PDB file of N, CA and C in Angstrom:
ATOM      1  N   UNK A   1     102.500 120.572 104.212  1.00  0.00           N
ATOM      2  CA  UNK A   1     101.844 121.718 103.640  1.00  0.00           C
ATOM      3  C   UNK A   1     102.415 121.957 102.248  1.00  0.00           C
ATOM      4  N   UNK A   2     101.584 122.429 101.406  1.00  0.00           N
ATOM      5  CA  UNK A   2     101.990 122.692 100.032  1.00  0.00           C
ATOM      6  C   UNK A   2     101.417 124.049  99.614  1.00  0.00           C
ATOM      7  N   UNK A   3     102.245 124.857  99.008  1.00  0.00           N
ATOM      8  CA  UNK A   3     101.780 126.178  98.576  1.00  0.00           C
ATOM      9  C   UNK A   3     101.690 126.187  97.057  1.00  0.00           C
ATOM     10  N   UNK A   4     100.487 126.476  96.558  1.00  0.00           N
ATOM     11  CA  UNK A   4     100.255 126.559  95.117  1.00  0.00           C
ATOM     12  C   UNK A   4      99.662 127.931  94.829  1.00  0.00           C
ATOM     13  N   UNK A   5     100.426 128.767  94.151  1.00  0.00           N
ATOM     14  CA  UNK A   5      99.967 130.113  93.777  1.00  0.00           C
ATOM     15  C   UNK A   5      99.414 130.882  94.981  1.00  0.00           C
ATOM     16  N   UNK A   6     100.137 130.830  96.093  1.00  0.00           N
ATOM     17  CA  UNK A   6      99.739 131.597  97.258  1.00  0.00           C
ATOM     18  C   UNK A   6      98.663 130.947  98.115  1.00  0.00           C
ATOM     19  N   UNK A   7      98.193 129.763  97.733  1.00  0.00           N
ATOM     20  CA  UNK A   7      97.157 129.069  98.498  1.00  0.00           C
ATOM     21  C   UNK A   7      97.820 127.909  99.246  1.00  0.00           C
ATOM     22  N   UNK A   8      97.571 127.838 100.525  1.00  0.00           N
ATOM     23  CA  UNK A   8      98.130 126.760 101.328  1.00  0.00           C
ATOM     24  C   UNK A   8      97.144 125.598 101.344  1.00  0.00           C
ATOM     25  N   UNK A   9      97.658 124.424 100.994  1.00  0.00           N
ATOM     26  CA  UNK A   9      96.820 123.215 100.979  1.00  0.00           C
ATOM     27  C   UNK A   9      97.482 122.152 101.843  1.00  0.00           C
ATOM     28  N   UNK A  10      96.706 121.490 102.641  1.00  0.00           N
ATOM     29  CA  UNK A  10      97.221 120.387 103.445  1.00  0.00           C
ATOM     30  C   UNK A  10      96.977 119.095 102.684  1.00  0.00           C
ATOM     31  N   UNK A  11      98.032 118.311 102.493  1.00  0.00           N
ATOM     32  CA  UNK A  11      97.915 117.046 101.782  1.00  0.00           C
ATOM     33  C   UNK A  11      97.823 115.924 102.805  1.00  0.00           C
ATOM     34  N   UNK A  12      96.755 115.176 102.743  1.00  0.00           N
ATOM     35  CA  UNK A  12      96.544 114.041 103.629  1.00  0.00           C
ATOM     36  C   UNK A  12      97.038 112.788 102.917  1.00  0.00           C
ATOM     37  N   UNK A  13      98.171 112.248 103.379  1.00  0.00           N
ATOM     38  CA  UNK A  13      98.755 111.083 102.718  1.00  0.00           C
ATOM     39  C   UNK A  13      97.928 109.816 102.913  1.00  0.00           C
ATOM     40  N   UNK A  14      97.079 109.792 103.914  1.00  0.00           N
ATOM     41  CA  UNK A  14      96.244 108.621 104.157  1.00  0.00           C
ATOM     42  C   UNK A  14      94.999 108.589 103.278  1.00  0.00           C
ATOM     43  N   UNK A  15      94.735 109.661 102.550  1.00  0.00           N
ATOM     44  CA  UNK A  15      93.532 109.755 101.739  1.00  0.00           C
ATOM     45  C   UNK A  15      93.887 109.699 100.255  1.00  0.00           C
ATOM     46  N   UNK A  16      94.647 108.696  99.872  1.00  0.00           N
ATOM     47  CA  UNK A  16      95.049 108.549  98.484  1.00  0.00           C
ATOM     48  C   UNK A  16      94.449 107.266  97.923  1.00  0.00           C
ATOM     49  N   UNK A  17      93.785 107.351  96.799  1.00  0.00           N
ATOM     50  CA  UNK A  17      93.165 106.158  96.226  1.00  0.00           C
ATOM     51  C   UNK A  17      94.189 105.099  95.811  1.00  0.00           C
ATOM     52  N   UNK A  18      95.379 105.520  95.403  1.00  0.00           N
ATOM     53  CA  UNK A  18      96.385 104.538  95.004  1.00  0.00           C
ATOM     54  C   UNK A  18      96.876 103.735  96.202  1.00  0.00           C
ATOM     55  N   UNK A  19      96.928 104.387  97.347  1.00  0.00           N
ATOM     56  CA  UNK A  19      97.347 103.662  98.555  1.00  0.00           C
ATOM     57  C   UNK A  19      96.298 102.608  98.928  1.00  0.00           C
ATOM     58  N   UNK A  20      95.039 102.959  98.804  1.00  0.00           N
ATOM     59  CA  UNK A  20      93.967 102.010  99.099  1.00  0.00           C
ATOM     60  C   UNK A  20      93.985 100.855  98.097  1.00  0.00           C
ATOM     61  N   UNK A  21      94.206 101.168  96.823  1.00  0.00           N
ATOM     62  CA  UNK A  21      94.270 100.119  95.803  1.00  0.00           C
ATOM     63  C   UNK A  21      95.455  99.190  96.047  1.00  0.00           C
ATOM     64  N   UNK A  22      96.581  99.754  96.447  1.00  0.00           N
ATOM     65  CA  UNK A  22      97.755  98.934  96.740  1.00  0.00           C
ATOM     66  C   UNK A  22      97.505  98.025  97.941  1.00  0.00           C
ATOM     67  N   UNK A  23      96.811  98.543  98.941  1.00  0.00           N
ATOM     68  CA  UNK A  23      96.497  97.738 100.115  1.00  0.00           C
ATOM     69  C   UNK A  23      95.585  96.581  99.748  1.00  0.00           C
ATOM     70  N   UNK A  24      94.561  96.840  98.962  1.00  0.00           N
ATOM     71  CA  UNK A  24      93.642  95.775  98.540  1.00  0.00           C
ATOM     72  C   UNK A  24      94.390  94.733  97.717  1.00  0.00           C
ATOM     73  N   UNK A  25      95.263  95.180  96.832  1.00  0.00           N
ATOM     74  CA  UNK A  25      96.059  94.249  96.036  1.00  0.00           C
ATOM     75  C   UNK A  25      96.978  93.403  96.902  1.00  0.00           C
ATOM     76  N   UNK A  26      97.614  94.036  97.873  1.00  0.00           N
ATOM     77  CA  UNK A  26      98.510  93.306  98.773  1.00  0.00           C
ATOM     78  C   UNK A  26      97.744  92.276  99.603  1.00  0.00           C
ATOM     79  N   UNK A  27      96.550  92.630 100.028  1.00  0.00           N
ATOM     80  CA  UNK A  27      95.744  91.684 100.794  1.00  0.00           C
ATOM     81  C   UNK A  27      95.355  90.483  99.934  1.00  0.00           C
ATOM     82  N   UNK A  28      95.006  90.735  98.677  1.00  0.00           N
ATOM     83  CA  UNK A  28      94.663  89.650  97.771  1.00  0.00           C
ATOM     84  C   UNK A  28      95.837  88.724  97.515  1.00  0.00           C
ATOM     85  N   UNK A  29      97.011  89.308  97.314  1.00  0.00           N
ATOM     86  CA  UNK A  29      98.215  88.500  97.101  1.00  0.00           C
ATOM     87  C   UNK A  29      98.533  87.695  98.358  1.00  0.00           C
ATOM     88  N   UNK A  30      98.379  88.306  99.521  1.00  0.00           N
ATOM     89  CA  UNK A  30      98.645  87.625 100.786  1.00  0.00           C
ATOM     90  C   UNK A  30      97.755  86.393 100.943  1.00  0.00           C
ATOM     91  N   UNK A  31      96.469  86.552 100.718  1.00  0.00           N
ATOM     92  CA  UNK A  31      95.539  85.426 100.844  1.00  0.00           C
ATOM     93  C   UNK A  31      95.851  84.361  99.790  1.00  0.00           C
ATOM     94  N   UNK A  32      96.173  84.783  98.573  1.00  0.00           N
ATOM     95  CA  UNK A  32      96.485  83.825  97.511  1.00  0.00           C
ATOM     96  C   UNK A  32      97.751  83.037  97.808  1.00  0.00           C
ATOM     97  N   UNK A  33      98.782  83.699  98.316  1.00  0.00           N
ATOM     98  CA  UNK A  33     100.040  83.016  98.631  1.00  0.00           C
ATOM     99  C   UNK A  33      99.833  82.026  99.776  1.00  0.00           C
ATOM    100  N   UNK A  34      99.128  82.430 100.807  1.00  0.00           N
ATOM    101  CA  UNK A  34      98.880  81.532 101.936  1.00  0.00           C
ATOM    102  C   UNK A  34      98.040  80.323 101.508  1.00  0.00           C
ATOM    103  N   UNK A  35      97.035  80.560 100.683  1.00  0.00           N
ATOM    104  CA  UNK A  35      96.190  79.465 100.201  1.00  0.00           C
ATOM    105  C   UNK A  35      96.990  78.513  99.321  1.00  0.00           C
ATOM    106  N   UNK A  36      97.826  79.043  98.443  1.00  0.00           N
ATOM    107  CA  UNK A  36      98.661  78.197  97.587  1.00  0.00           C
ATOM    108  C   UNK A  36      99.655  77.407  98.417  1.00  0.00           C
ATOM    109  N   UNK A  37     100.263  78.039  99.411  1.00  0.00           N
ATOM    110  CA  UNK A  37     101.198  77.332 100.286  1.00  0.00           C
ATOM    111  C   UNK A  37     100.484  76.211 101.041  1.00  0.00           C
ATOM    112  N   UNK A  38      99.270  76.464 101.494  1.00  0.00           N
ATOM    113  CA  UNK A  38      98.497  75.420 102.167  1.00  0.00           C
ATOM    114  C   UNK A  38      98.165  74.271 101.237  1.00  0.00           C
ATOM    115  N   UNK A  39      97.817  74.598 100.001  1.00  0.00           N
ATOM    116  CA  UNK A  39      97.534  73.574  98.995  1.00  0.00           C
ATOM    117  C   UNK A  39      98.766  72.704  98.744  1.00  0.00           C
ATOM    118  N   UNK A  40      99.911  73.357  98.562  1.00  0.00           N
ATOM    119  CA  UNK A  40     101.146  72.610  98.295  1.00  0.00           C
ATOM    120  C   UNK A  40     101.563  71.763  99.493  1.00  0.00           C
ATOM    121  N   UNK A  41     101.432  72.319 100.692  1.00  0.00           N
ATOM    122  CA  UNK A  41     101.774  71.556 101.897  1.00  0.00           C
ATOM    123  C   UNK A  41     100.831  70.371 102.068  1.00  0.00           C
ATOM    124  N   UNK A  42      99.550  70.579 101.818  1.00  0.00           N
ATOM    125  CA  UNK A  42      98.590  69.475 101.914  1.00  0.00           C
ATOM    126  C   UNK A  42      98.833  68.417 100.858  1.00  0.00           C
ATOM    127  N   UNK A  43      99.198  68.837  99.667  1.00  0.00           N
ATOM    128  CA  UNK A  43      99.506  67.894  98.596  1.00  0.00           C
ATOM    129  C   UNK A  43     100.733  67.060  98.950  1.00  0.00           C
ATOM    130  N   UNK A  44     101.767  67.723  99.468  1.00  0.00           N
ATOM    131  CA  UNK A  44     102.974  67.010  99.865  1.00  0.00           C
ATOM    132  C   UNK A  44     102.676  66.037 101.003  1.00  0.00           C
ATOM    133  N   UNK A  45     101.949  66.491 102.008  1.00  0.00           N
ATOM    134  CA  UNK A  45     101.619  65.628 103.148  1.00  0.00           C
ATOM    135  C   UNK A  45     100.770  64.443 102.698  1.00  0.00           C
ATOM    136  N   UNK A  46      99.843  64.680 101.802  1.00  0.00           N
ATOM    137  CA  UNK A  46      98.998  63.597 101.311  1.00  0.00           C
ATOM    138  C   UNK A  46      99.770  62.566 100.537  1.00  0.00           C
ATOM    139  N   UNK A  47     100.743  62.989  99.764  1.00  0.00           N
ATOM    140  CA  UNK A  47     101.527  62.021  98.991  1.00  0.00           C
ATOM    141  C   UNK A  47     102.477  61.228  99.877  1.00  0.00           C
ATOM    142  N   UNK A  48     102.889  61.782 101.003  1.00  0.00           N
ATOM    143  CA  UNK A  48     103.813  61.078 101.895  1.00  0.00           C
ATOM    144  C   UNK A  48     103.109  60.328 103.017  1.00  0.00           C
ATOM    145  N   UNK A  49     101.944  60.786 103.416  1.00  0.00           N
ATOM    146  CA  UNK A  49     101.262  60.191 104.560  1.00  0.00           C
ATOM    147  C   UNK A  49      99.994  59.437 104.190  1.00  0.00           C
ATOM    148  N   UNK A  50      99.600  59.488 102.926  1.00  0.00           N
ATOM    149  CA  UNK A  50      98.373  58.823 102.495  1.00  0.00           C
ATOM    150  C   UNK A  50      97.164  59.730 102.644  1.00  0.00           C
ATOM    151  N   UNK A  51      96.046  59.262 102.102  1.00  0.00           N
ATOM    152  CA  UNK A  51      94.782  59.984 102.147  1.00  0.00           C
ATOM    153  C   UNK A  51      94.943  61.402 101.570  1.00  0.00           C
ATOM    154  N   UNK A  52      95.336  61.462 100.299  1.00  0.00           N
ATOM    155  CA  UNK A  52      95.670  62.737  99.650  1.00  0.00           C
ATOM    156  C   UNK A  52      94.562  63.773  99.709  1.00  0.00           C
ATOM    157  N   UNK A  53      93.328  63.362  99.457  1.00  0.00           N
ATOM    158  CA  UNK A  53      92.235  64.346  99.402  1.00  0.00           C
ATOM    159  C   UNK A  53      92.009  65.041 100.742  1.00  0.00           C
ATOM    160  N   UNK A  54      92.094  64.281 101.817  1.00  0.00           N
ATOM    161  CA  UNK A  54      91.880  64.875 103.141  1.00  0.00           C
ATOM    162  C   UNK A  54      93.002  65.857 103.478  1.00  0.00           C
ATOM    163  N   UNK A  55      94.245  65.480 103.217  1.00  0.00           N
ATOM    164  CA  UNK A  55      95.370  66.374 103.493  1.00  0.00           C
ATOM    165  C   UNK A  55      95.322  67.610 102.601  1.00  0.00           C
ATOM    166  N   UNK A  56      94.941  67.404 101.346  1.00  0.00           N
ATOM    167  CA  UNK A  56      94.849  68.522 100.420  1.00  0.00           C
ATOM    168  C   UNK A  56      93.787  69.520 100.878  1.00  0.00           C
ATOM    169  N   UNK A  57      92.636  69.023 101.252  1.00  0.00           N
ATOM    170  CA  UNK A  57      91.560  69.887 101.733  1.00  0.00           C
ATOM    171  C   UNK A  57      91.960  70.578 103.033  1.00  0.00           C
ATOM    172  N   UNK A  58      92.580  69.825 103.938  1.00  0.00           N
ATOM    173  CA  UNK A  58      93.021  70.417 105.202  1.00  0.00           C
ATOM    174  C   UNK A  58      94.065  71.503 104.991  1.00  0.00           C
ATOM    175  N   UNK A  59      95.019  71.246 104.108  1.00  0.00           N
ATOM    176  CA  UNK A  59      96.047  72.251 103.814  1.00  0.00           C
ATOM    177  C   UNK A  59      95.467  73.485 103.152  1.00  0.00           C
ATOM    178  N   UNK A  60      94.541  73.265 102.236  1.00  0.00           N
ATOM    179  CA  UNK A  60      93.897  74.377 101.536  1.00  0.00           C
ATOM    180  C   UNK A  60      93.116  75.256 102.506  1.00  0.00           C
ATOM    181  N   UNK A  61      92.333  74.637 103.366  1.00  0.00           N
ATOM    182  CA  UNK A  61      91.539  75.402 104.334  1.00  0.00           C
ATOM    183  C   UNK A  61      92.419  76.093 105.376  1.00  0.00           C
ATOM    184  N   UNK A  62      93.496  75.411 105.793  1.00  0.00           N
ATOM    185  CA  UNK A  62      94.420  76.031 106.743  1.00  0.00           C
ATOM    186  C   UNK A  62      95.099  77.246 106.119  1.00  0.00           C
ATOM    187  N   UNK A  63      95.537  77.106 104.869  1.00  0.00           N
ATOM    188  CA  UNK A  63      96.153  78.237 104.175  1.00  0.00           C
ATOM    189  C   UNK A  63      95.191  79.394 104.001  1.00  0.00           C
ATOM    190  N   UNK A  64      93.957  79.093 103.655  1.00  0.00           N
ATOM    191  CA  UNK A  64      92.944  80.141 103.503  1.00  0.00           C
ATOM    192  C   UNK A  64      92.702  80.844 104.837  1.00  0.00           C
ATOM    193  N   UNK A  65      92.593  80.072 105.904  1.00  0.00           N
ATOM    194  CA  UNK A  65      92.390  80.645 107.235  1.00  0.00           C
ATOM    195  C   UNK A  65      93.552  81.553 107.623  1.00  0.00           C
ATOM    196  N   UNK A  66      94.788  81.066 107.414  1.00  0.00           N
ATOM    197  CA  UNK A  66      95.959  81.886 107.758  1.00  0.00           C
ATOM    198  C   UNK A  66      96.037  83.142 106.896  1.00  0.00           C
ATOM    199  N   UNK A  67      95.655  83.043 105.630  1.00  0.00           N
ATOM    200  CA  UNK A  67      95.634  84.214 104.763  1.00  0.00           C
ATOM    201  C   UNK A  67      94.651  85.260 105.247  1.00  0.00           C
ATOM    202  N   UNK A  68      93.490  84.817 105.676  1.00  0.00           N
ATOM    203  CA  UNK A  68      92.485  85.749 106.190  1.00  0.00           C
ATOM    204  C   UNK A  68      92.952  86.385 107.492  1.00  0.00           C
ATOM    205  N   UNK A  69      93.572  85.590 108.367  1.00  0.00           N
ATOM    206  CA  UNK A  69      94.070  86.123 109.641  1.00  0.00           C
ATOM    207  C   UNK A  69      95.157  87.170 109.399  1.00  0.00           C
ATOM    208  N   UNK A  70      96.101  86.877 108.499  1.00  0.00           N
ATOM    209  CA  UNK A  70      97.150  87.858 108.235  1.00  0.00           C
ATOM    210  C   UNK A  70      96.587  89.111 107.571  1.00  0.00           C
ATOM    211  N   UNK A  71      95.577  88.958 106.730  1.00  0.00           N
ATOM    212  CA  UNK A  71      94.938  90.123 106.122  1.00  0.00           C
ATOM    213  C   UNK A  71      94.270  90.988 107.192  1.00  0.00           C
ATOM    214  N   UNK A  72      93.632  90.363 108.140  1.00  0.00           N
ATOM    215  CA  UNK A  72      93.003  91.106 109.240  1.00  0.00           C
ATOM    216  C   UNK A  72      94.056  91.848 110.053  1.00  0.00           C
ATOM    217  N   UNK A  73      95.193  91.193 110.308  1.00  0.00           N
ATOM    218  CA  UNK A  73      96.261  91.852 111.062  1.00  0.00           C
ATOM    219  C   UNK A  73      96.837  93.050 110.299  1.00  0.00           C
ATOM    220  N   UNK A  74      96.964  92.928 108.991  1.00  0.00           N
ATOM    221  CA  UNK A  74      97.464  94.050 108.188  1.00  0.00           C
ATOM    222  C   UNK A  74      96.467  95.207 108.228  1.00  0.00           C
ATOM    223  N   UNK A  75      95.193  94.902 108.070  1.00  0.00           N
ATOM    224  CA  UNK A  75      94.167  95.954 108.116  1.00  0.00           C
ATOM    225  C   UNK A  75      94.163  96.634 109.483  1.00  0.00           C
ATOM    226  N   UNK A  76      94.291  95.849 110.528  1.00  0.00           N
ATOM    227  CA  UNK A  76      94.318  96.405 111.883  1.00  0.00           C
ATOM    228  C   UNK A  76      95.514  97.343 112.052  1.00  0.00           C
ATOM    229  N   UNK A  77      96.682  96.951 111.537  1.00  0.00           N
ATOM    230  CA  UNK A  77      97.881  97.798 111.630  1.00  0.00           C
ATOM    231  C   UNK A  77      97.691  99.092 110.839  1.00  0.00           C
ATOM    232  N   UNK A  78      97.126  99.001 109.658  1.00  0.00           N
ATOM    233  CA  UNK A  78      96.899 100.200 108.834  1.00  0.00           C
ATOM    234  C   UNK A  78      95.940 101.154 109.533  1.00  0.00           C
ATOM    235  N   UNK A  79      94.887 100.617 110.123  1.00  0.00           N
ATOM    236  CA  UNK A  79      93.926 101.471 110.822  1.00  0.00           C
ATOM    237  C   UNK A  79      94.540 102.110 112.057  1.00  0.00           C
ATOM    238  N   UNK A  80      95.433 101.383 112.752  1.00  0.00           N
ATOM    239  CA  UNK A  80      96.111 101.963 113.899  1.00  0.00           C
ATOM    240  C   UNK A  80      97.044 103.096 113.468  1.00  0.00           C
ATOM    241  N   UNK A  81      97.737 102.905 112.337  1.00  0.00           N
ATOM    242  CA  UNK A  81      98.637 103.934 111.836  1.00  0.00           C
ATOM    243  C   UNK A  81      97.890 105.191 111.413  1.00  0.00           C
ATOM    244  N   UNK A  82      96.668 105.040 110.914  1.00  0.00           N
ATOM    245  CA  UNK A  82      95.880 106.202 110.513  1.00  0.00           C
ATOM    246  C   UNK A  82      95.407 106.993 111.728  1.00  0.00           C
ATOM    247  N   UNK A  83      95.271 106.327 112.865  1.00  0.00           N
ATOM    248  CA  UNK A  83      94.793 107.005 114.070  1.00  0.00           C
ATOM    249  C   UNK A  83      95.823 107.908 114.706  1.00  0.00           C
ATOM    250  N   UNK A  84      97.069 107.786 114.301  1.00  0.00           N
ATOM    251  CA  UNK A  84      98.136 108.594 114.915  1.00  0.00           C
ATOM    252  C   UNK A  84      98.079 110.025 114.486  1.00  0.00           C
TER     253      UNK A  84
END
């Protein structure tokens, strides 16, 4: 609760645009990091095991998939926290 000039106002911490912007930014970074890690892992595997393009594509798609899954888990956690 916050009192401003005799008026009581309830501040909802879950309804802040900066928090939403930070969440969207964090999700983007999460997907980008996972995709880059998949690319690097696929590149490394391709150079050591042969067939570079297939490993690179597989690593890239795996990283993208894992990034999307972790983003979904973060969104699910945030929505659960708002329900409390």
